[in-house]
Amino acid sequence: MSRDVQKEIQDLVSNNRVVLFMKGTPQFPQCGFSSAATQMLKSAGCNEFASVNVLADNDIREGVKAFANWPTIPQLYVDGEFVGGADIMRELAQSGELQTMISKPN
């Protein structure tokens, strides 16, 4: 049986309010952008979020790039919507929008 990576990604995004596809884990990020993304989420008051270590699963790593049509990792999803990567997260964090996005009830 072949694996439906796009469905797996859709399920992750649909079943978790906040999902970060990243290199490594929140405790041990494997790249600076993933580390920054984790810190921005925590600074915005989001201490619990689903994280997916794309380094552990190359199918997910490539699949998530196609899923959002976004070439880089990390990728943040909130309430099922693609938010962006570390650069967009940084802009949203600086403007206070990231905190608003994360704190609003679903």
PDB file of N, CA and C in Angstrom:
ATOM      1  N   MET A   1       0.847  -1.190   0.000  1.00  0.00           N
ATOM      2  CA  MET A   1       0.000   0.000   0.000  1.00  0.00           C
ATOM      3  C   MET A   1       0.886   1.245   0.000  1.00  0.00           C
ATOM      4  N   SER A   2       0.636   2.130  -0.919  1.00  0.00           N
ATOM      5  CA  SER A   2       1.474   3.326  -0.985  1.00  0.00           C
ATOM      6  C   SER A   2       0.980   4.366   0.020  1.00  0.00           C
ATOM      7  N   ARG A   3       1.890   5.159   0.434  1.00  0.00           N
ATOM      8  CA  ARG A   3       1.634   6.150   1.469  1.00  0.00           C
ATOM      9  C   ARG A   3       1.088   7.427   0.838  1.00  0.00           C
ATOM     10  N   ASP A   4       0.014   7.963   1.422  1.00  0.00           N
ATOM     11  CA  ASP A   4      -0.541   9.233   0.946  1.00  0.00           C
ATOM     12  C   ASP A   4      -0.040  10.354   1.855  1.00  0.00           C
ATOM     13  N   VAL A   5       1.138  10.884   1.490  1.00  0.00           N
ATOM     14  CA  VAL A   5       1.802  11.885   2.322  1.00  0.00           C
ATOM     15  C   VAL A   5       0.967  13.154   2.415  1.00  0.00           C
ATOM     16  N   GLN A   6       0.342  13.560   1.315  1.00  0.00           N
ATOM     17  CA  GLN A   6      -0.470  14.785   1.345  1.00  0.00           C
ATOM     18  C   GLN A   6      -1.634  14.634   2.315  1.00  0.00           C
ATOM     19  N   LYS A   7      -2.242  13.440   2.366  1.00  0.00           N
ATOM     20  CA  LYS A   7      -3.337  13.207   3.314  1.00  0.00           C
ATOM     21  C   LYS A   7      -2.806  13.226   4.751  1.00  0.00           C
ATOM     22  N   GLU A   8      -1.635  12.634   4.975  1.00  0.00           N
ATOM     23  CA  GLU A   8      -1.032  12.659   6.317  1.00  0.00           C
ATOM     24  C   GLU A   8      -0.823  14.104   6.775  1.00  0.00           C
ATOM     25  N   ILE A   9      -0.305  14.933   5.881  1.00  0.00           N
ATOM     26  CA  ILE A   9      -0.059  16.342   6.215  1.00  0.00           C
ATOM     27  C   ILE A   9      -1.389  17.049   6.477  1.00  0.00           C
ATOM     28  N   GLN A  10      -2.380  16.807   5.623  1.00  0.00           N
ATOM     29  CA  GLN A  10      -3.702  17.418   5.810  1.00  0.00           C
ATOM     30  C   GLN A  10      -4.290  17.013   7.160  1.00  0.00           C
ATOM     31  N   ASP A  11      -4.149  15.745   7.527  1.00  0.00           N
ATOM     32  CA  ASP A  11      -4.674  15.273   8.817  1.00  0.00           C
ATOM     33  C   ASP A  11      -3.963  15.968   9.977  1.00  0.00           C
ATOM     34  N   LEU A  12      -2.645  16.099   9.891  1.00  0.00           N
ATOM     35  CA  LEU A  12      -1.884  16.779  10.944  1.00  0.00           C
ATOM     36  C   LEU A  12      -2.357  18.219  11.102  1.00  0.00           C
ATOM     37  N   VAL A  13      -2.519  18.898   9.973  1.00  0.00           N
ATOM     38  CA  VAL A  13      -2.902  20.309   9.978  1.00  0.00           C
ATOM     39  C   VAL A  13      -4.351  20.471  10.458  1.00  0.00           C
ATOM     40  N   SER A  14      -5.210  19.524  10.099  1.00  0.00           N
ATOM     41  CA  SER A  14      -6.623  19.614  10.483  1.00  0.00           C
ATOM     42  C   SER A  14      -6.863  19.246  11.947  1.00  0.00           C
ATOM     43  N   ASN A  15      -6.057  18.319  12.452  1.00  0.00           N
ATOM     44  CA  ASN A  15      -6.315  17.778  13.788  1.00  0.00           C
ATOM     45  C   ASN A  15      -5.544  18.472  14.901  1.00  0.00           C
ATOM     46  N   ASN A  16      -4.716  19.441  14.552  1.00  0.00           N
ATOM     47  CA  ASN A  16      -3.948  20.180  15.553  1.00  0.00           C
ATOM     48  C   ASN A  16      -4.117  21.672  15.274  1.00  0.00           C
ATOM     49  N   ARG A  17      -4.406  22.432  16.321  1.00  0.00           N
ATOM     50  CA  ARG A  17      -4.650  23.866  16.130  1.00  0.00           C
ATOM     51  C   ARG A  17      -3.414  24.584  15.604  1.00  0.00           C
ATOM     52  N   VAL A  18      -2.244  24.248  16.160  1.00  0.00           N
ATOM     53  CA  VAL A  18      -0.986  24.863  15.742  1.00  0.00           C
ATOM     54  C   VAL A  18      -0.008  23.742  15.401  1.00  0.00           C
ATOM     55  N   VAL A  19       0.512  23.772  14.186  1.00  0.00           N
ATOM     56  CA  VAL A  19       1.471  22.753  13.743  1.00  0.00           C
ATOM     57  C   VAL A  19       2.690  23.455  13.160  1.00  0.00           C
ATOM     58  N   LEU A  20       3.858  23.023  13.619  1.00  0.00           N
ATOM     59  CA  LEU A  20       5.115  23.541  13.076  1.00  0.00           C
ATOM     60  C   LEU A  20       5.887  22.381  12.459  1.00  0.00           C
ATOM     61  N   PHE A  21       6.056  22.442  11.144  1.00  0.00           N
ATOM     62  CA  PHE A  21       6.932  21.497  10.459  1.00  0.00           C
ATOM     63  C   PHE A  21       8.325  22.099  10.558  1.00  0.00           C
ATOM     64  N   MET A  22       9.253  21.368  11.170  1.00  0.00           N
ATOM     65  CA  MET A  22      10.555  21.948  11.478  1.00  0.00           C
ATOM     66  C   MET A  22      11.665  20.915  11.327  1.00  0.00           C
ATOM     67  N   LYS A  23      12.891  21.400  11.352  1.00  0.00           N
ATOM     68  CA  LYS A  23      14.052  20.522  11.363  1.00  0.00           C
ATOM     69  C   LYS A  23      14.435  20.317  12.820  1.00  0.00           C
ATOM     70  N   GLY A  24      14.283  19.078  13.277  1.00  0.00           N
ATOM     71  CA  GLY A  24      14.535  18.772  14.676  1.00  0.00           C
ATOM     72  C   GLY A  24      13.240  18.831  15.471  1.00  0.00           C
ATOM     73  N   THR A  25      13.393  19.045  16.768  1.00  0.00           N
ATOM     74  CA  THR A  25      12.244  19.109  17.677  1.00  0.00           C
ATOM     75  C   THR A  25      12.303  20.431  18.436  1.00  0.00           C
ATOM     76  N   PRO A  26      11.191  20.836  19.073  1.00  0.00           N
ATOM     77  CA  PRO A  26      11.243  22.079  19.850  1.00  0.00           C
ATOM     78  C   PRO A  26      12.344  22.057  20.918  1.00  0.00           C
ATOM     79  N   GLN A  27      12.597  20.883  21.495  1.00  0.00           N
ATOM     80  CA  GLN A  27      13.643  20.772  22.519  1.00  0.00           C
ATOM     81  C   GLN A  27      15.042  20.798  21.901  1.00  0.00           C
ATOM     82  N   PHE A  28      15.172  20.235  20.692  1.00  0.00           N
ATOM     83  CA  PHE A  28      16.471  20.165  20.020  1.00  0.00           C
ATOM     84  C   PHE A  28      16.340  20.553  18.552  1.00  0.00           C
ATOM     85  N   PRO A  29      16.129  21.840  18.277  1.00  0.00           N
ATOM     86  CA  PRO A  29      16.029  22.274  16.875  1.00  0.00           C
ATOM     87  C   PRO A  29      17.344  22.000  16.153  1.00  0.00           C
ATOM     88  N   GLN A  30      17.235  21.624  14.878  1.00  0.00           N
ATOM     89  CA  GLN A  30      18.420  21.279  14.103  1.00  0.00           C
ATOM     90  C   GLN A  30      18.822  22.367  13.114  1.00  0.00           C
ATOM     91  N   CYS A  31      18.149  23.506  13.158  1.00  0.00           N
ATOM     92  CA  CYS A  31      18.589  24.635  12.331  1.00  0.00           C
ATOM     93  C   CYS A  31      18.145  25.929  13.003  1.00  0.00           C
ATOM     94  N   GLY A  32      18.800  27.000  12.667  1.00  0.00           N
ATOM     95  CA  GLY A  32      18.523  28.289  13.290  1.00  0.00           C
ATOM     96  C   GLY A  32      17.110  28.783  13.051  1.00  0.00           C
ATOM     97  N   PHE A  33      16.593  28.556  11.850  1.00  0.00           N
ATOM     98  CA  PHE A  33      15.239  29.025  11.545  1.00  0.00           C
ATOM     99  C   PHE A  33      14.196  28.252  12.351  1.00  0.00           C
ATOM    100  N   SER A  34      14.408  26.937  12.500  1.00  0.00           N
ATOM    101  CA  SER A  34      13.481  26.135  13.299  1.00  0.00           C
ATOM    102  C   SER A  34      13.551  26.545  14.767  1.00  0.00           C
ATOM    103  N   SER A  35      14.752  26.835  15.236  1.00  0.00           N
ATOM    104  CA  SER A  35      14.928  27.304  16.608  1.00  0.00           C
ATOM    105  C   SER A  35      14.206  28.632  16.811  1.00  0.00           C
ATOM    106  N   ALA A  36      14.376  29.546  15.865  1.00  0.00           N
ATOM    107  CA  ALA A  36      13.721  30.855  15.948  1.00  0.00           C
ATOM    108  C   ALA A  36      12.202  30.703  15.915  1.00  0.00           C
ATOM    109  N   ALA A  37      11.703  29.818  15.055  1.00  0.00           N
ATOM    110  CA  ALA A  37      10.261  29.607  14.948  1.00  0.00           C
ATOM    111  C   ALA A  37       9.689  29.099  16.266  1.00  0.00           C
ATOM    112  N   THR A  38      10.396  28.160  16.885  1.00  0.00           N
ATOM    113  CA  THR A  38       9.967  27.628  18.182  1.00  0.00           C
ATOM    114  C   THR A  38       9.931  28.740  19.228  1.00  0.00           C
ATOM    115  N   GLN A  39      10.977  29.551  19.272  1.00  0.00           N
ATOM    116  CA  GLN A  39      11.036  30.646  20.240  1.00  0.00           C
ATOM    117  C   GLN A  39       9.930  31.668  20.013  1.00  0.00           C
ATOM    118  N   MET A  40       9.640  31.963  18.756  1.00  0.00           N
ATOM    119  CA  MET A  40       8.573  32.935  18.456  1.00  0.00           C
ATOM    120  C   MET A  40       7.216  32.413  18.919  1.00  0.00           C
ATOM    121  N   LEU A  41       6.969  31.126  18.700  1.00  0.00           N
ATOM    122  CA  LEU A  41       5.699  30.547  19.164  1.00  0.00           C
ATOM    123  C   LEU A  41       5.594  30.642  20.679  1.00  0.00           C
ATOM    124  N   LYS A  42       6.675  30.283  21.369  1.00  0.00           N
ATOM    125  CA  LYS A  42       6.661  30.335  22.836  1.00  0.00           C
ATOM    126  C   LYS A  42       6.498  31.770  23.329  1.00  0.00           C
ATOM    127  N   SER A  43       7.174  32.709  22.679  1.00  0.00           N
ATOM    128  CA  SER A  43       7.064  34.123  23.058  1.00  0.00           C
ATOM    129  C   SER A  43       5.660  34.653  22.833  1.00  0.00           C
ATOM    130  N   ALA A  44       4.963  34.076  21.846  1.00  0.00           N
ATOM    131  CA  ALA A  44       3.591  34.500  21.546  1.00  0.00           C
ATOM    132  C   ALA A  44       2.591  33.814  22.476  1.00  0.00           C
ATOM    133  N   GLY A  45       3.101  33.001  23.410  1.00  0.00           N
ATOM    134  CA  GLY A  45       2.225  32.358  24.376  1.00  0.00           C
ATOM    135  C   GLY A  45       1.754  30.972  23.968  1.00  0.00           C
ATOM    136  N   CYS A  46       2.348  30.429  22.932  1.00  0.00           N
ATOM    137  CA  CYS A  46       1.962  29.102  22.460  1.00  0.00           C
ATOM    138  C   CYS A  46       2.993  28.091  22.958  1.00  0.00           C
ATOM    139  N   ASN A  47       2.723  27.492  24.110  1.00  0.00           N
ATOM    140  CA  ASN A  47       3.667  26.534  24.668  1.00  0.00           C
ATOM    141  C   ASN A  47       3.371  25.112  24.234  1.00  0.00           C
ATOM    142  N   GLU A  48       2.151  24.885  23.753  1.00  0.00           N
ATOM    143  CA  GLU A  48       1.801  23.557  23.279  1.00  0.00           C
ATOM    144  C   GLU A  48       1.412  23.636  21.819  1.00  0.00           C
ATOM    145  N   PHE A  49       2.187  22.955  21.009  1.00  0.00           N
ATOM    146  CA  PHE A  49       1.877  22.893  19.587  1.00  0.00           C
ATOM    147  C   PHE A  49       2.410  21.576  19.047  1.00  0.00           C
ATOM    148  N   ALA A  50       1.822  21.120  17.961  1.00  0.00           N
ATOM    149  CA  ALA A  50       2.302  19.906  17.315  1.00  0.00           C
ATOM    150  C   ALA A  50       3.527  20.275  16.499  1.00  0.00           C
ATOM    151  N   SER A  51       4.555  19.463  16.608  1.00  0.00           N
ATOM    152  CA  SER A  51       5.735  19.693  15.782  1.00  0.00           C
ATOM    153  C   SER A  51       6.037  18.414  15.017  1.00  0.00           C
ATOM    154  N   VAL A  52       6.506  18.595  13.811  1.00  0.00           N
ATOM    155  CA  VAL A  52       6.858  17.474  12.950  1.00  0.00           C
ATOM    156  C   VAL A  52       8.307  17.658  12.534  1.00  0.00           C
ATOM    157  N   ASN A  53       9.143  16.697  12.918  1.00  0.00           N
ATOM    158  CA  ASN A  53      10.559  16.741  12.562  1.00  0.00           C
ATOM    159  C   ASN A  53      10.717  16.204  11.143  1.00  0.00           C
ATOM    160  N   VAL A  54      10.886  17.102  10.188  1.00  0.00           N
ATOM    161  CA  VAL A  54      10.982  16.683   8.781  1.00  0.00           C
ATOM    162  C   VAL A  54      12.288  15.930   8.493  1.00  0.00           C
ATOM    163  N   LEU A  55      13.284  16.079   9.368  1.00  0.00           N
ATOM    164  CA  LEU A  55      14.538  15.354   9.168  1.00  0.00           C
ATOM    165  C   LEU A  55      14.346  13.856   9.408  1.00  0.00           C
ATOM    166  N   ALA A  56      13.324  13.504  10.176  1.00  0.00           N
ATOM    167  CA  ALA A  56      13.058  12.097  10.477  1.00  0.00           C
ATOM    168  C   ALA A  56      12.232  11.423   9.389  1.00  0.00           C
ATOM    169  N   ASP A  57      11.697  12.199   8.459  1.00  0.00           N
ATOM    170  CA  ASP A  57      10.806  11.636   7.444  1.00  0.00           C
ATOM    171  C   ASP A  57      10.917  12.438   6.154  1.00  0.00           C
ATOM    172  N   ASN A  58      11.719  11.937   5.229  1.00  0.00           N
ATOM    173  CA  ASN A  58      11.970  12.693   3.998  1.00  0.00           C
ATOM    174  C   ASN A  58      10.709  12.855   3.148  1.00  0.00           C
ATOM    175  N   ASP A  59       9.787  11.880   3.206  1.00  0.00           N
ATOM    176  CA  ASP A  59       8.538  12.000   2.444  1.00  0.00           C
ATOM    177  C   ASP A  59       7.740  13.207   2.933  1.00  0.00           C
ATOM    178  N   ILE A  60       7.672  13.375   4.242  1.00  0.00           N
ATOM    179  CA  ILE A  60       6.969  14.536   4.814  1.00  0.00           C
ATOM    180  C   ILE A  60       7.749  15.807   4.471  1.00  0.00           C
ATOM    181  N   ARG A  61       9.073  15.739   4.557  1.00  0.00           N
ATOM    182  CA  ARG A  61       9.904  16.913   4.276  1.00  0.00           C
ATOM    183  C   ARG A  61       9.632  17.454   2.874  1.00  0.00           C
ATOM    184  N   GLU A  62       9.585  16.560   1.896  1.00  0.00           N
ATOM    185  CA  GLU A  62       9.321  16.992   0.523  1.00  0.00           C
ATOM    186  C   GLU A  62       7.833  17.271   0.314  1.00  0.00           C
ATOM    187  N   GLY A  63       7.000  16.471   0.962  1.00  0.00           N
ATOM    188  CA  GLY A  63       5.557  16.600   0.791  1.00  0.00           C
ATOM    189  C   GLY A  63       5.007  17.912   1.305  1.00  0.00           C
ATOM    190  N   VAL A  64       5.541  18.388   2.429  1.00  0.00           N
ATOM    191  CA  VAL A  64       5.017  19.623   3.012  1.00  0.00           C
ATOM    192  C   VAL A  64       5.379  20.823   2.134  1.00  0.00           C
ATOM    193  N   LYS A  65       6.494  20.740   1.429  1.00  0.00           N
ATOM    194  CA  LYS A  65       6.871  21.831   0.518  1.00  0.00           C
ATOM    195  C   LYS A  65       5.846  21.940  -0.617  1.00  0.00           C
ATOM    196  N   ALA A  66       5.405  20.788  -1.113  1.00  0.00           N
ATOM    197  CA  ALA A  66       4.395  20.770  -2.174  1.00  0.00           C
ATOM    198  C   ALA A  66       3.022  21.143  -1.614  1.00  0.00           C
ATOM    199  N   PHE A  67       2.751  20.712  -0.385  1.00  0.00           N
ATOM    200  CA  PHE A  67       1.442  20.934   0.238  1.00  0.00           C
ATOM    201  C   PHE A  67       1.091  22.419   0.277  1.00  0.00           C
ATOM    202  N   ALA A  68       2.054  23.228   0.696  1.00  0.00           N
ATOM    203  CA  ALA A  68       1.811  24.675   0.810  1.00  0.00           C
ATOM    204  C   ALA A  68       2.377  25.449  -0.370  1.00  0.00           C
ATOM    205  N   ASN A  69       3.035  24.732  -1.271  1.00  0.00           N
ATOM    206  CA  ASN A  69       3.741  25.396  -2.363  1.00  0.00           C
ATOM    207  C   ASN A  69       4.724  26.423  -1.782  1.00  0.00           C
ATOM    208  N   TRP A  70       5.456  25.976  -0.778  1.00  0.00           N
ATOM    209  CA  TRP A  70       6.408  26.812  -0.053  1.00  0.00           C
ATOM    210  C   TRP A  70       7.710  26.023   0.042  1.00  0.00           C
ATOM    211  N   PRO A  71       8.833  26.573  -0.425  1.00  0.00           N
ATOM    212  CA  PRO A  71      10.039  25.758  -0.602  1.00  0.00           C
ATOM    213  C   PRO A  71      10.873  25.506   0.648  1.00  0.00           C
ATOM    214  N   THR A  72      10.583  26.190   1.743  1.00  0.00           N
ATOM    215  CA  THR A  72      11.490  26.095   2.889  1.00  0.00           C
ATOM    216  C   THR A  72      10.796  25.554   4.134  1.00  0.00           C
ATOM    217  N   ILE A  73      11.619  25.086   5.042  1.00  0.00           N
ATOM    218  CA  ILE A  73      11.211  24.618   6.361  1.00  0.00           C
ATOM    219  C   ILE A  73      11.882  25.566   7.339  1.00  0.00           C
ATOM    220  N   PRO A  74      11.279  26.021   8.406  1.00  0.00           N
ATOM    221  CA  PRO A  74      10.011  25.580   8.986  1.00  0.00           C
ATOM    222  C   PRO A  74       8.785  26.154   8.271  1.00  0.00           C
ATOM    223  N   GLN A  75       7.668  25.495   8.546  1.00  0.00           N
ATOM    224  CA  GLN A  75       6.369  25.969   8.059  1.00  0.00           C
ATOM    225  C   GLN A  75       5.380  25.907   9.218  1.00  0.00           C
ATOM    226  N   LEU A  76       4.652  27.003   9.399  1.00  0.00           N
ATOM    227  CA  LEU A  76       3.679  27.090  10.480  1.00  0.00           C
ATOM    228  C   LEU A  76       2.260  27.067   9.922  1.00  0.00           C
ATOM    229  N   TYR A  77       1.418  26.268  10.586  1.00  0.00           N
ATOM    230  CA  TYR A  77      -0.017  26.222  10.273  1.00  0.00           C
ATOM    231  C   TYR A  77      -0.779  26.540  11.556  1.00  0.00           C
ATOM    232  N   VAL A  78      -1.776  27.407  11.444  1.00  0.00           N
ATOM    233  CA  VAL A  78      -2.655  27.722  12.574  1.00  0.00           C
ATOM    234  C   VAL A  78      -4.088  27.594  12.086  1.00  0.00           C
ATOM    235  N   ASP A  79      -4.888  26.865  12.847  1.00  0.00           N
ATOM    236  CA  ASP A  79      -6.299  26.643  12.495  1.00  0.00           C
ATOM    237  C   ASP A  79      -6.445  26.129  11.057  1.00  0.00           C
ATOM    238  N   GLY A  80      -5.558  25.226  10.659  1.00  0.00           N
ATOM    239  CA  GLY A  80      -5.657  24.608   9.346  1.00  0.00           C
ATOM    240  C   GLY A  80      -5.142  25.444   8.193  1.00  0.00           C
ATOM    241  N   GLU A  81      -4.682  26.661   8.489  1.00  0.00           N
ATOM    242  CA  GLU A  81      -4.220  27.562   7.429  1.00  0.00           C
ATOM    243  C   GLU A  81      -2.705  27.690   7.468  1.00  0.00           C
ATOM    244  N   PHE A  82      -2.096  27.702   6.291  1.00  0.00           N
ATOM    245  CA  PHE A  82      -0.660  27.926   6.198  1.00  0.00           C
ATOM    246  C   PHE A  82      -0.363  29.382   6.539  1.00  0.00           C
ATOM    247  N   VAL A  83       0.521  29.594   7.485  1.00  0.00           N
ATOM    248  CA  VAL A  83       0.890  30.949   7.892  1.00  0.00           C
ATOM    249  C   VAL A  83       2.146  31.398   7.157  1.00  0.00           C
ATOM    250  N   GLY A  84       3.183  30.567   7.185  1.00  0.00           N
ATOM    251  CA  GLY A  84       4.418  30.919   6.505  1.00  0.00           C
ATOM    252  C   GLY A  84       5.613  30.299   7.181  1.00  0.00           C
ATOM    253  N   GLY A  85       6.781  30.776   6.778  1.00  0.00           N
ATOM    254  CA  GLY A  85       8.033  30.303   7.338  1.00  0.00           C
ATOM    255  C   GLY A  85       8.555  31.264   8.396  1.00  0.00           C
ATOM    256  N   ALA A  86       9.807  31.074   8.758  1.00  0.00           N
ATOM    257  CA  ALA A  86      10.402  31.852   9.847  1.00  0.00           C
ATOM    258  C   ALA A  86      10.380  33.352   9.578  1.00  0.00           C
ATOM    259  N   ASP A  87      10.602  33.760   8.326  1.00  0.00           N
ATOM    260  CA  ASP A  87      10.631  35.192   8.009  1.00  0.00           C
ATOM    261  C   ASP A  87       9.247  35.828   8.205  1.00  0.00           C
ATOM    262  N   ILE A  88       8.219  35.151   7.744  1.00  0.00           N
ATOM    263  CA  ILE A  88       6.851  35.664   7.914  1.00  0.00           C
ATOM    264  C   ILE A  88       6.458  35.621   9.384  1.00  0.00           C
ATOM    265  N   MET A  89       6.850  34.549  10.068  1.00  0.00           N
ATOM    266  CA  MET A  89       6.569  34.468  11.506  1.00  0.00           C
ATOM    267  C   MET A  89       7.205  35.640  12.245  1.00  0.00           C
ATOM    268  N   ARG A  90       8.428  35.997  11.845  1.00  0.00           N
ATOM    269  CA  ARG A  90       9.138  37.100  12.517  1.00  0.00           C
ATOM    270  C   ARG A  90       8.364  38.407  12.328  1.00  0.00           C
ATOM    271  N   GLU A  91       7.896  38.654  11.102  1.00  0.00           N
ATOM    272  CA  GLU A  91       7.104  39.867  10.838  1.00  0.00           C
ATOM    273  C   GLU A  91       5.821  39.871  11.671  1.00  0.00           C
ATOM    274  N   LEU A  92       5.148  38.724  11.719  1.00  0.00           N
ATOM    275  CA  LEU A  92       3.897  38.624  12.489  1.00  0.00           C
ATOM    276  C   LEU A  92       4.163  38.790  13.981  1.00  0.00           C
ATOM    277  N   ALA A  93       5.281  38.253  14.456  1.00  0.00           N
ATOM    278  CA  ALA A  93       5.626  38.372  15.876  1.00  0.00           C
ATOM    279  C   ALA A  93       5.906  39.823  16.232  1.00  0.00           C
ATOM    280  N   GLN A  94       6.625  40.518  15.356  1.00  0.00           N
ATOM    281  CA  GLN A  94       6.981  41.913  15.633  1.00  0.00           C
ATOM    282  C   GLN A  94       5.746  42.809  15.639  1.00  0.00           C
ATOM    283  N   SER A  95       4.763  42.484  14.809  1.00  0.00           N
ATOM    284  CA  SER A  95       3.559  43.319  14.740  1.00  0.00           C
ATOM    285  C   SER A  95       2.516  42.921  15.781  1.00  0.00           C
ATOM    286  N   GLY A  96       2.759  41.800  16.476  1.00  0.00           N
ATOM    287  CA  GLY A  96       1.787  41.318  17.461  1.00  0.00           C
ATOM    288  C   GLY A  96       0.728  40.407  16.864  1.00  0.00           C
ATOM    289  N   GLU A  97       0.744  40.242  15.542  1.00  0.00           N
ATOM    290  CA  GLU A  97      -0.284  39.418  14.888  1.00  0.00           C
ATOM    291  C   GLU A  97      -0.147  37.943  15.225  1.00  0.00           C
ATOM    292  N   LEU A  98       1.085  37.471  15.408  1.00  0.00           N
ATOM    293  CA  LEU A  98       1.280  36.055  15.730  1.00  0.00           C
ATOM    294  C   LEU A  98       0.618  35.733  17.063  1.00  0.00           C
ATOM    295  N   GLN A  99       0.811  36.586  18.036  1.00  0.00           N
ATOM    296  CA  GLN A  99       0.201  36.377  19.350  1.00  0.00           C
ATOM    297  C   GLN A  99      -1.329  36.386  19.240  1.00  0.00           C
ATOM    298  N   THR A 100      -1.864  37.326  18.481  1.00  0.00           N
ATOM    299  CA  THR A 100      -3.310  37.404  18.277  1.00  0.00           C
ATOM    300  C   THR A 100      -3.842  36.142  17.618  1.00  0.00           C
ATOM    301  N   MET A 101      -3.150  35.688  16.590  1.00  0.00           N
ATOM    302  CA  MET A 101      -3.533  34.504  15.833  1.00  0.00           C
ATOM    303  C   MET A 101      -3.570  33.263  16.740  1.00  0.00           C
ATOM    304  N   ILE A 102      -2.562  33.148  17.594  1.00  0.00           N
ATOM    305  CA  ILE A 102      -2.431  31.974  18.441  1.00  0.00           C
ATOM    306  C   ILE A 102      -3.368  32.032  19.644  1.00  0.00           C
ATOM    307  N   SER A 103      -3.638  33.231  20.148  1.00  0.00           N
ATOM    308  CA  SER A 103      -4.442  33.328  21.365  1.00  0.00           C
ATOM    309  C   SER A 103      -5.934  33.287  21.106  1.00  0.00           C
ATOM    310  N   LYS A 104      -6.355  33.528  19.868  1.00  0.00           N
ATOM    311  CA  LYS A 104      -7.796  33.525  19.623  1.00  0.00           C
ATOM    312  C   LYS A 104      -8.365  32.104  19.704  1.00  0.00           C
ATOM    313  N   PRO A 105      -9.534  31.970  20.291  1.00  0.00           N
ATOM    314  CA  PRO A 105     -10.127  30.629  20.395  1.00  0.00           C
ATOM    315  C   PRO A 105     -10.519  30.113  19.018  1.00  0.00           C
ATOM    316  N   ASN A 106     -10.462  28.790  18.850  1.00  0.00           N
ATOM    317  CA  ASN A 106     -10.799  28.256  17.532  1.00  0.00           C
ATOM    318  C   ASN A 106     -12.279  28.119  17.332  1.00  0.00           C
TER     319      ASN A 106
END
